[in-house]
């Protein structure tokens, strides 16, 4: 780059200045490269007409160094990186045109979109390898699913996320699934596992069919499984034609990402022109494994696992944050649920049980590992997610078939392992967050959430006019910035 007849040449982090007209004795203005500590490699350079005594260099880590043209010294370092609410870092790229246009379009979505509200019910439950036939032993058990689907106020979307549908404590089955890898699987094991999933899918479909109004039938949108994880989504049949771009993937976290006994199932789809993403998780267990759980969550949320949208207009219409739909947080409406396994810290089991009996939940929530991580860990990947205030007792760990917390030799301390979190400011509102006590066939209690979702439908003719307005406003903003520079 030539500034005031001098050639400023960059390589890596260093800058050399030359005088092409200086002859052999005065060609090198700087005898050694100009280098500033604490900055990345140089990626760009610029000068502006209002400050001809300075030259500016952009660096890969989001910093800009400012040099004096006459003294050939650094007179300032400016940090122009930004950290978003979801803890991703966005680096300076000049005008940030794509971000500007996307934000402006979303600010004007009311001018080119029509909106409708939908109701969604989300259920998470660690089933402890139970089957639908297990529910026949107790009337309260069998009533649970009839009640949770809200037949009196039928939802538009029903999402079921189960964990441990197969016995993860079955060492034979787990060892086989780990060490056989891609080898041919034991057909007896495969049939046993697939039978479990089919049995639950068919049972849920039957409960919905028998209890929902006959004039408002439901359709199975998708069901999928990974070792013990099982996700099943139903929608009102009248809505199915509004759904497109269904994407399903899994993220394995067991044994460092090799095994699916821990991890997540991710299901996303576009409803009208809004993107919805549902994630069913089961992450690292153990009282002291908070960091492992946080790492599992980070790997799930950062996985570029879903099909990406290549069309730039659909990217802006469907996704947020400059995303293309390949990761969870690209989606406008995100709900993450599951057995997240977060425990209560620095408190003995008997003290926890006593606090539960006296309904002193606030004392326990102060030490809940998930909530503590959100407060204290700036890099915790669930910080941008919301969770309705917890007003119910810990959902883990019970003696199966009873209302008594674990009385086995291990005497595990109760905890809020089973959670539902969401992300989608202005696009969704949680109406209910609760546990259910009628289902005792597992050592976990189910948790459900009811949500009101606001979805949009883009009106093409109106969109074109709004887009032209955005481009015009961006051009005007550039001119203002150039004049003020």
Protein backbone atom coordinates (compact mmCIF):
# COMPACT_ATOMS: atom_id res chain seq x y z
CA UNK A 1 0.00 0.00 0.00
CA UNK A 2 1.40 3.41 -1.01
CA UNK A 3 0.87 6.31 1.42
CA UNK A 4 2.56 9.72 0.82
CA UNK A 5 4.89 8.14 -1.75
CA UNK A 6 6.07 5.50 0.73
CA UNK A 7 5.42 1.79 0.23
CA UNK A 8 4.02 0.06 3.33
CA UNK A 9 4.56 -3.68 2.87
CA UNK A 10 3.19 -6.30 5.31
CA UNK A 11 4.13 -9.90 5.93
CA UNK A 12 2.62 -11.85 8.85
CA UNK A 13 2.54 -9.48 11.82
CA UNK A 14 5.32 -7.23 10.54
CA UNK A 15 5.33 -4.01 8.47
CA UNK A 16 8.24 -2.74 6.36
CA UNK A 17 8.26 0.78 4.92
CA UNK A 18 10.19 1.62 1.72
CA UNK A 19 10.96 4.76 -0.28
CA UNK A 20 10.98 3.68 -3.94
CA UNK A 21 12.51 7.04 -4.95
CA UNK A 22 15.23 7.03 -2.26
CA UNK A 23 17.91 5.18 -4.17
CA UNK A 24 20.05 2.43 -2.72
CA UNK A 25 21.03 4.35 0.42
CA UNK A 26 17.56 5.49 1.43
CA UNK A 27 15.36 2.70 0.08
CA UNK A 28 14.70 1.05 3.47
CA UNK A 29 12.91 3.50 5.76
CA UNK A 30 12.60 0.89 8.53
CA UNK A 31 15.63 -1.26 9.28
CA UNK A 32 13.53 -3.88 11.09
CA UNK A 33 9.82 -4.73 10.67
CA UNK A 34 7.31 -2.76 12.73
CA UNK A 35 5.63 -5.31 15.01
CA UNK A 36 3.20 -4.84 17.89
CA UNK A 37 2.85 -7.41 20.63
CA UNK A 38 -0.57 -8.85 21.42
CA UNK A 39 -2.00 -8.60 17.90
CA UNK A 40 -2.65 -11.19 15.21
CA UNK A 41 -1.44 -11.37 11.63
CA UNK A 42 -2.21 -8.39 9.39
CA UNK A 43 -5.08 -9.00 7.00
CA UNK A 44 -5.76 -5.52 5.56
CA UNK A 45 -4.63 -1.91 5.45
CA UNK A 46 -6.28 1.45 4.81
CA UNK A 47 -5.94 5.22 5.05
CA UNK A 48 -8.67 7.87 5.08
CA UNK A 49 -8.71 11.32 3.55
CA UNK A 50 -9.55 13.11 6.81
CA UNK A 51 -6.49 11.67 8.62
CA UNK A 52 -3.67 11.53 6.09
CA UNK A 53 -1.10 11.55 8.87
CA UNK A 54 -2.15 8.03 9.90
CA UNK A 55 -2.33 4.57 8.34
CA UNK A 56 -4.51 1.72 9.67
CA UNK A 57 -3.90 -2.04 9.64
CA UNK A 58 -6.49 -4.70 10.44
CA UNK A 59 -5.42 -7.89 12.23
CA UNK A 60 -6.86 -11.40 12.23
CA UNK A 61 -7.79 -11.24 15.92
CA UNK A 62 -10.09 -8.25 15.49
CA UNK A 63 -7.62 -5.49 16.33
CA UNK A 64 -6.60 -2.42 14.31
CA UNK A 65 -3.18 -0.82 14.72
CA UNK A 66 -2.72 2.86 13.90
CA UNK A 67 0.66 4.16 12.68
CA UNK A 68 2.06 7.65 12.23
CA UNK A 69 2.92 8.30 8.60
CA UNK A 70 5.72 10.74 9.51
CA UNK A 71 7.25 8.97 12.53
CA UNK A 72 6.65 5.38 11.39
CA UNK A 73 5.60 4.42 14.91
CA UNK A 74 2.45 2.83 16.32
CA UNK A 75 0.23 5.45 17.97
CA UNK A 76 -2.65 3.21 18.98
CA UNK A 77 -4.26 -0.23 19.02
CA UNK A 78 -8.04 -0.50 18.74
CA UNK A 79 -10.01 -3.68 19.49
CA UNK A 80 -12.86 -3.94 16.98
CA UNK A 81 -13.95 -7.52 17.68
CA UNK A 82 -17.40 -7.99 19.18
CA UNK A 83 -18.71 -10.78 21.41
CA UNK A 84 -22.31 -11.69 20.73
CA UNK A 85 -24.86 -12.70 23.36
CA UNK A 86 -24.35 -16.35 22.38
CA UNK A 87 -20.61 -15.95 23.14
CA UNK A 88 -19.52 -16.23 19.50
CA UNK A 89 -16.91 -13.72 18.36
CA UNK A 90 -17.55 -11.59 15.30
CA UNK A 91 -14.47 -9.92 13.82
CA UNK A 92 -14.36 -6.62 11.98
CA UNK A 93 -14.88 -6.97 8.25
CA UNK A 94 -15.16 -3.38 7.14
CA UNK A 95 -18.80 -2.40 6.69
CA UNK A 96 -20.34 -5.66 8.03
CA UNK A 97 -22.79 -5.35 5.18
CA UNK A 98 -24.41 -8.79 5.52
CA UNK A 99 -24.99 -8.32 9.26
CA UNK A 100 -26.34 -4.81 8.72
CA UNK A 101 -28.81 -5.91 6.05
CA UNK A 102 -29.96 -8.96 8.02
CA UNK A 103 -30.57 -6.90 11.17
CA UNK A 104 -32.41 -4.22 9.22
CA UNK A 105 -34.63 -6.80 7.48
CA UNK A 106 -35.53 -8.36 10.83
CA UNK A 107 -36.28 -4.92 12.27
CA UNK A 108 -38.78 -4.43 9.42
CA UNK A 109 -40.23 -7.97 9.32
CA UNK A 110 -43.68 -6.65 10.21
CA UNK A 111 -43.68 -4.84 6.85
CA UNK A 112 -43.33 -8.01 4.76
CA UNK A 113 -44.40 -10.93 6.99
CA UNK A 114 -47.66 -12.33 8.27
CA UNK A 115 -47.58 -13.91 11.72
CA UNK A 116 -49.43 -16.71 13.46
CA UNK A 117 -49.20 -18.23 16.93
CA UNK A 118 -48.77 -21.91 17.68
CA UNK A 119 -48.75 -23.90 20.90
CA UNK A 120 -46.05 -26.50 21.58
CA UNK A 121 -45.77 -29.04 24.39
CA UNK A 122 -42.28 -30.43 25.11
CA UNK A 123 -41.75 -33.46 27.37
CA UNK A 124 -38.39 -34.74 28.61
CA UNK A 125 -38.03 -37.96 30.58
CA UNK A 126 -35.24 -40.34 31.50
CA UNK A 127 -37.27 -43.51 31.19
CA UNK A 128 -34.81 -45.84 32.90
CA UNK A 129 -35.26 -48.55 30.22
CA UNK A 130 -39.00 -48.78 30.94
CA UNK A 131 -41.45 -49.85 28.26
CA UNK A 132 -45.09 -48.95 27.58
CA UNK A 133 -46.10 -52.25 29.18
CA UNK A 134 -44.54 -50.95 32.44
CA UNK A 135 -47.32 -48.36 32.64
CA UNK A 136 -50.05 -50.96 33.03
CA UNK A 137 -49.18 -51.63 36.65
CA UNK A 138 -50.42 -48.28 37.98
CA UNK A 139 -53.34 -46.14 36.83
CA UNK A 140 -51.42 -42.91 37.57
CA UNK A 141 -48.57 -44.10 35.34
CA UNK A 142 -50.87 -44.73 32.39
CA UNK A 143 -52.75 -41.46 32.95
CA UNK A 144 -49.58 -39.37 32.68
CA UNK A 145 -49.34 -39.36 28.89
CA UNK A 146 -53.06 -38.70 28.48
CA UNK A 147 -52.73 -35.63 30.68
CA UNK A 148 -49.44 -34.24 29.38
CA UNK A 149 -50.65 -34.00 25.76
CA UNK A 150 -53.32 -31.49 26.85
CA UNK A 151 -56.39 -32.98 25.11
CA UNK A 152 -58.56 -30.15 26.48
CA UNK A 153 -56.37 -27.56 24.75
CA UNK A 154 -54.70 -29.47 21.92
CA UNK A 155 -51.20 -28.15 21.05
CA UNK A 156 -50.05 -27.68 17.48
CA UNK A 157 -46.74 -29.45 18.12
CA UNK A 158 -45.93 -32.31 20.52
CA UNK A 159 -42.27 -33.04 21.22
CA UNK A 160 -41.12 -36.06 23.23
CA UNK A 161 -37.48 -36.41 24.22
CA UNK A 162 -36.62 -39.59 26.12
CA UNK A 163 -33.30 -40.76 27.53
CA UNK A 164 -32.18 -44.26 28.53
CA UNK A 165 -34.86 -46.11 26.62
CA UNK A 166 -32.37 -48.98 26.72
CA UNK A 167 -30.50 -49.96 29.86
CA UNK A 168 -27.19 -48.09 29.76
CA UNK A 169 -26.19 -50.04 32.87
CA UNK A 170 -26.36 -53.25 30.83
CA UNK A 171 -22.62 -53.73 30.54
CA UNK A 172 -22.93 -56.47 27.91
CA UNK A 173 -25.08 -54.38 25.57
CA UNK A 174 -23.06 -51.20 26.11
CA UNK A 175 -19.70 -52.94 25.62
CA UNK A 176 -20.90 -54.54 22.40
CA UNK A 177 -22.11 -51.24 20.97
CA UNK A 178 -18.76 -49.59 21.83
CA UNK A 179 -16.26 -52.20 20.72
CA UNK A 180 -18.02 -53.66 17.70
CA UNK A 181 -18.09 -50.23 16.05
CA UNK A 182 -18.82 -50.71 12.38
CA UNK A 183 -18.71 -54.50 12.65
CA UNK A 184 -21.88 -56.48 12.08
CA UNK A 185 -24.20 -56.04 15.04
CA UNK A 186 -25.80 -58.86 16.96
CA UNK A 187 -29.25 -59.15 15.36
CA UNK A 188 -30.81 -60.04 18.73
CA UNK A 189 -29.47 -56.82 20.30
CA UNK A 190 -30.52 -54.70 17.31
CA UNK A 191 -34.00 -56.20 17.37
CA UNK A 192 -34.32 -55.63 21.13
CA UNK A 193 -33.32 -51.98 20.85
CA UNK A 194 -35.44 -51.23 17.79
CA UNK A 195 -38.42 -52.93 19.42
CA UNK A 196 -38.14 -50.54 22.37
CA UNK A 197 -38.25 -47.51 20.10
CA UNK A 198 -41.10 -48.86 17.97
CA UNK A 199 -43.10 -49.72 21.08
CA UNK A 200 -42.85 -46.16 22.40
CA UNK A 201 -43.55 -44.59 19.02
CA UNK A 202 -46.67 -46.71 18.57
CA UNK A 203 -47.79 -46.12 22.15
CA UNK A 204 -47.49 -42.33 21.85
CA UNK A 205 -49.34 -42.37 18.52
CA UNK A 206 -52.13 -44.46 20.07
CA UNK A 207 -52.47 -42.20 23.12
CA UNK A 208 -52.72 -39.14 20.86
CA UNK A 209 -55.20 -40.82 18.52
CA UNK A 210 -57.43 -42.03 21.36
CA UNK A 211 -57.49 -38.82 23.40
CA UNK A 212 -57.28 -35.88 20.99
CA UNK A 213 -60.39 -34.50 19.25
CA UNK A 214 -61.20 -36.69 16.25
CA UNK A 215 -61.70 -33.68 13.99
CA UNK A 216 -58.13 -32.50 14.63
CA UNK A 217 -55.90 -35.48 13.82
CA UNK A 218 -52.14 -35.52 14.34
CA UNK A 219 -49.34 -36.71 12.07
CA UNK A 220 -45.98 -38.15 13.05
CA UNK A 221 -43.43 -35.67 11.73
CA UNK A 222 -40.31 -37.60 12.65
CA UNK A 223 -38.86 -40.08 15.09
CA UNK A 224 -35.23 -41.02 15.57
CA UNK A 225 -32.97 -42.66 18.15
CA UNK A 226 -29.34 -43.00 19.26
CA UNK A 227 -28.48 -45.75 21.75
CA UNK A 228 -30.79 -44.73 24.65
CA UNK A 229 -31.93 -41.39 23.24
CA UNK A 230 -35.32 -41.23 21.51
CA UNK A 231 -37.03 -38.19 19.95
CA UNK A 232 -40.53 -38.16 18.55
CA UNK A 233 -42.39 -35.14 17.13
CA UNK A 234 -46.08 -34.99 16.23
CA UNK A 235 -47.84 -32.06 14.58
CA UNK A 236 -51.45 -31.36 13.77
CA UNK A 237 -52.07 -32.92 10.38
CA UNK A 238 -53.35 -29.59 9.08
CA UNK A 239 -49.89 -28.06 9.69
CA UNK A 240 -47.78 -30.71 7.97
CA UNK A 241 -48.00 -29.05 4.55
CA UNK A 242 -46.51 -25.90 6.12
CA UNK A 243 -43.34 -27.75 7.12
CA UNK A 244 -40.22 -28.06 4.96
CA UNK A 245 -36.46 -28.51 5.18
CA UNK A 246 -36.57 -31.23 7.83
CA UNK A 247 -33.07 -31.98 9.09
CA UNK A 248 -32.01 -34.61 11.61
CA UNK A 249 -28.59 -35.35 13.05
CA UNK A 250 -26.88 -36.72 16.13
CA UNK A 251 -23.86 -35.66 18.15
CA UNK A 252 -22.05 -38.45 20.00
CA UNK A 253 -20.24 -37.55 23.22
CA UNK A 254 -19.52 -40.90 24.87
CA UNK A 255 -15.84 -41.90 24.96
CA UNK A 256 -14.71 -38.54 23.63
CA UNK A 257 -17.27 -38.41 20.82
CA UNK A 258 -16.99 -42.02 19.63
CA UNK A 259 -19.99 -43.55 21.34
CA UNK A 260 -23.65 -42.57 21.42
CA UNK A 261 -24.48 -43.50 25.02
CA UNK A 262 -24.16 -39.77 25.69
CA UNK A 263 -24.81 -36.91 23.28
CA UNK A 264 -27.78 -35.38 21.50
CA UNK A 265 -30.38 -35.83 18.81
CA UNK A 266 -31.15 -32.64 16.86
CA UNK A 267 -34.31 -32.20 14.78
CA UNK A 268 -35.00 -29.00 12.91
CA UNK A 269 -37.55 -27.86 10.35
CA UNK A 270 -38.95 -24.75 8.72
CA UNK A 271 -42.57 -23.96 9.53
CA UNK A 272 -43.85 -21.38 7.05
CA UNK A 273 -40.68 -19.23 7.07
CA UNK A 274 -39.58 -19.68 10.68
CA UNK A 275 -36.84 -22.11 11.72
CA UNK A 276 -37.44 -24.39 14.73
CA UNK A 277 -34.82 -26.63 16.32
CA UNK A 278 -35.42 -29.26 19.04
CA UNK A 279 -32.46 -30.86 20.80
CA UNK A 280 -32.73 -33.88 23.07
CA UNK A 281 -29.62 -34.33 25.25
CA UNK A 282 -28.09 -36.80 27.65
CA UNK A 283 -24.71 -35.60 28.89
CA UNK A 284 -22.00 -36.66 31.34
CA UNK A 285 -23.18 -38.03 34.70
CA UNK A 286 -21.54 -37.77 38.12
CA UNK A 287 -21.62 -35.28 40.98
CA UNK A 288 -18.18 -33.80 40.16
CA UNK A 289 -18.42 -33.80 36.34
CA UNK A 290 -19.66 -30.24 35.79
CA UNK A 291 -16.81 -29.42 33.40
CA UNK A 292 -17.49 -32.58 31.37
CA UNK A 293 -21.16 -31.62 31.14
CA UNK A 294 -20.26 -28.10 30.04
CA UNK A 295 -17.91 -29.52 27.41
CA UNK A 296 -20.62 -31.87 26.14
CA UNK A 297 -23.06 -28.97 25.84
CA UNK A 298 -20.46 -26.86 24.03
CA UNK A 299 -19.73 -29.66 21.55
CA UNK A 300 -23.44 -30.15 20.86
CA UNK A 301 -24.16 -26.45 20.33
CA UNK A 302 -21.02 -25.87 18.25
CA UNK A 303 -21.42 -28.90 15.98
CA UNK A 304 -21.84 -27.98 12.30
CA UNK A 305 -24.00 -31.04 11.86
CA UNK A 306 -27.15 -29.93 10.01
CA UNK A 307 -27.58 -29.32 6.27
CA UNK A 308 -26.73 -25.73 5.45
CA UNK A 309 -28.83 -23.33 3.41
CA UNK A 310 -26.92 -21.99 0.40
CA UNK A 311 -29.50 -19.53 -0.92
CA UNK A 312 -28.70 -16.07 0.57
CA UNK A 313 -32.32 -14.86 0.60
CA UNK A 314 -33.59 -17.97 2.39
CA UNK A 315 -30.72 -17.71 4.88
CA UNK A 316 -31.88 -14.23 5.88
CA UNK A 317 -35.55 -15.25 5.94
CA UNK A 318 -35.08 -18.45 7.95
CA UNK A 319 -32.03 -18.10 10.16
CA UNK A 320 -30.42 -15.59 12.52
CA UNK A 321 -26.96 -14.32 13.44
CA UNK A 322 -25.65 -14.64 9.89
CA UNK A 323 -26.06 -18.40 10.16
CA UNK A 324 -26.92 -20.89 7.44
CA UNK A 325 -28.80 -23.44 9.56
CA UNK A 326 -25.86 -25.78 10.11
CA UNK A 327 -25.75 -25.29 13.91
CA UNK A 328 -28.46 -25.20 16.55
CA UNK A 329 -28.20 -21.51 17.40
CA UNK A 330 -28.69 -20.46 13.76
CA UNK A 331 -32.40 -21.17 14.27
CA UNK A 332 -34.97 -18.59 15.34
CA UNK A 333 -36.67 -20.87 17.87
CA UNK A 334 -34.50 -23.32 19.83
CA UNK A 335 -35.64 -25.68 22.57
CA UNK A 336 -33.04 -27.84 24.31
CA UNK A 337 -34.16 -30.48 26.78
CA UNK A 338 -33.01 -33.69 28.35
CA UNK A 339 -31.17 -35.30 31.22
CA UNK A 340 -28.47 -32.65 31.55
CA UNK A 341 -27.26 -34.30 34.76
CA UNK A 342 -26.39 -31.05 36.60
CA UNK A 343 -26.27 -31.59 40.36
CA UNK A 344 -26.42 -29.55 43.58
CA UNK A 345 -22.97 -28.60 44.88
CA UNK A 346 -21.43 -28.28 48.35
CA UNK A 347 -24.33 -29.80 50.22
CA UNK A 348 -24.81 -33.27 51.68
CA UNK A 349 -27.71 -35.51 50.70
CA UNK A 350 -29.51 -35.26 54.04
CA UNK A 351 -29.32 -31.46 53.94
CA UNK A 352 -30.74 -31.43 50.41
CA UNK A 353 -33.60 -33.76 51.35
CA UNK A 354 -34.39 -31.65 54.41
CA UNK A 355 -34.51 -28.47 52.30
CA UNK A 356 -36.86 -30.18 49.83
CA UNK A 357 -39.21 -31.27 52.61
CA UNK A 358 -39.30 -27.70 53.98
CA UNK A 359 -39.82 -26.36 50.42
CA UNK A 360 -36.63 -24.29 50.69
CA UNK A 361 -35.85 -24.67 47.00
CA UNK A 362 -34.11 -21.28 46.78
CA UNK A 363 -31.31 -22.58 49.02
CA UNK A 364 -30.73 -25.50 46.65
CA UNK A 365 -31.04 -23.49 43.43
CA UNK A 366 -28.23 -21.22 44.60
CA UNK A 367 -25.97 -24.26 44.31
CA UNK A 368 -27.44 -25.79 41.16
CA UNK A 369 -24.49 -26.43 38.86
CA UNK A 370 -26.26 -25.25 35.70
CA UNK A 371 -27.39 -21.97 37.25
CA UNK A 372 -23.98 -21.42 38.85
CA UNK A 373 -22.30 -21.98 35.47
CA UNK A 374 -24.62 -19.43 33.88
CA UNK A 375 -23.76 -16.86 36.55
CA UNK A 376 -20.03 -17.38 36.81
CA UNK A 377 -18.78 -18.85 33.54
CA UNK A 378 -18.70 -16.24 30.76
CA UNK A 379 -18.01 -18.94 28.18
CA UNK A 380 -20.81 -21.29 29.25
CA UNK A 381 -22.69 -22.11 26.07
CA UNK A 382 -26.12 -22.19 27.72
CA UNK A 383 -25.89 -18.59 28.92
CA UNK A 384 -27.94 -17.25 25.96
CA UNK A 385 -30.68 -19.78 26.71
CA UNK A 386 -33.57 -19.03 29.03
CA UNK A 387 -35.08 -21.28 31.65
CA UNK A 388 -38.34 -20.60 33.39
CA UNK A 389 -37.83 -20.25 37.17
CA UNK A 390 -37.87 -23.69 38.79
CA UNK A 391 -40.69 -24.06 41.31
CA UNK A 392 -40.72 -27.86 41.58
CA UNK A 393 -38.64 -30.31 43.62
CA UNK A 394 -35.58 -32.08 42.14
CA UNK A 395 -36.55 -34.76 39.64
CA UNK A 396 -33.71 -37.22 40.40
CA UNK A 397 -32.99 -39.74 41.94
CA UNK A 398 -35.94 -41.82 43.21
CA UNK A 399 -36.34 -45.40 44.30
CA UNK A 400 -38.32 -46.80 41.37
CA UNK A 401 -42.02 -47.10 42.08
CA UNK A 402 -41.94 -44.77 45.10
CA UNK A 403 -41.82 -41.10 46.07
CA UNK A 404 -38.68 -41.73 48.13
CA UNK A 405 -35.32 -40.29 47.08
CA UNK A 406 -32.50 -42.79 46.56
CA UNK A 407 -32.08 -45.05 49.59
CA UNK A 408 -29.64 -47.48 47.97
CA UNK A 409 -26.06 -47.95 49.15
CA UNK A 410 -24.96 -45.03 46.95
CA UNK A 411 -27.51 -42.68 48.56
CA UNK A 412 -27.30 -40.22 45.64
CA UNK A 413 -28.23 -36.65 46.40
CA UNK A 414 -31.38 -35.27 44.70
CA UNK A 415 -30.84 -32.92 41.75
CA UNK A 416 -32.59 -31.11 38.91
CA UNK A 417 -31.10 -33.29 36.19
CA UNK A 418 -34.08 -32.99 33.85
CA UNK A 419 -34.38 -29.56 32.24
CA UNK A 420 -35.96 -27.59 29.39
CA UNK A 421 -34.25 -24.43 28.09
CA UNK A 422 -35.13 -22.22 25.17
CA UNK A 423 -33.82 -19.41 22.99
CA UNK A 424 -35.86 -17.11 20.76
CA UNK A 425 -36.41 -13.67 22.22
CA UNK A 426 -39.55 -12.06 20.78
CA UNK A 427 -40.50 -15.30 19.01
CA UNK A 428 -41.63 -17.49 21.90
CA UNK A 429 -42.91 -17.45 25.44
CA UNK A 430 -43.01 -20.28 27.96
CA UNK A 431 -46.40 -20.66 29.61
CA UNK A 432 -45.71 -23.57 31.95
CA UNK A 433 -42.72 -25.45 33.38
CA UNK A 434 -43.41 -28.37 35.68
CA UNK A 435 -42.57 -31.86 36.81
CA UNK A 436 -45.03 -34.74 36.86
CA UNK A 437 -45.38 -37.00 39.88
CA UNK A 438 -47.76 -39.60 38.48
CA UNK A 439 -45.09 -41.57 36.62
CA UNK A 440 -42.94 -43.69 38.96
CA UNK A 441 -41.56 -46.44 36.71
CA UNK A 442 -38.18 -44.67 36.46
CA UNK A 443 -35.77 -43.09 38.93
CA UNK A 444 -36.44 -39.72 37.21
CA UNK A 445 -39.64 -37.70 37.12
CA UNK A 446 -40.76 -36.32 33.74
CA UNK A 447 -40.64 -32.58 33.08
CA UNK A 448 -42.80 -30.69 30.57
CA UNK A 449 -42.99 -27.20 29.16
CA UNK A 450 -45.75 -25.43 27.27
CA UNK A 451 -44.71 -22.74 24.79
CA UNK A 452 -46.44 -20.17 22.65
CA UNK A 453 -44.53 -19.76 19.38
CA UNK A 454 -44.75 -16.86 16.92
CA UNK A 455 -44.02 -17.99 13.37
CA UNK A 456 -43.82 -15.88 10.27
CA UNK A 457 -44.79 -16.26 6.64
CA UNK A 458 -42.91 -14.07 4.15
CA UNK A 459 -44.98 -12.25 1.54
CA UNK A 460 -42.69 -12.25 -1.50
CA UNK A 461 -43.97 -9.10 -3.19
CA UNK A 462 -43.67 -7.06 -0.02
CA UNK A 463 -40.25 -8.51 0.77
CA UNK A 464 -38.73 -7.18 -2.46
CA UNK A 465 -39.73 -3.64 -1.60
CA UNK A 466 -38.43 -3.90 1.97
CA UNK A 467 -35.12 -5.35 0.70
CA UNK A 468 -34.65 -2.43 -1.65
CA UNK A 469 -35.34 -0.10 1.26
CA UNK A 470 -32.70 -1.89 3.35
CA UNK A 471 -30.12 -1.53 0.57
CA UNK A 472 -30.96 2.15 0.27
CA UNK A 473 -30.60 2.70 4.01
CA UNK A 474 -27.28 0.85 4.02
CA UNK A 475 -25.98 3.08 1.23
CA UNK A 476 -27.04 6.16 3.17
CA UNK A 477 -25.33 4.84 6.32
CA UNK A 478 -22.10 4.29 4.37
CA UNK A 479 -22.18 7.84 3.06
CA UNK A 480 -22.76 9.24 6.54
CA UNK A 481 -19.86 7.26 7.93
CA UNK A 482 -17.60 8.35 5.07
CA UNK A 483 -18.48 12.00 5.61
CA UNK A 484 -17.89 11.75 9.35
CA UNK A 485 -14.57 9.96 8.97
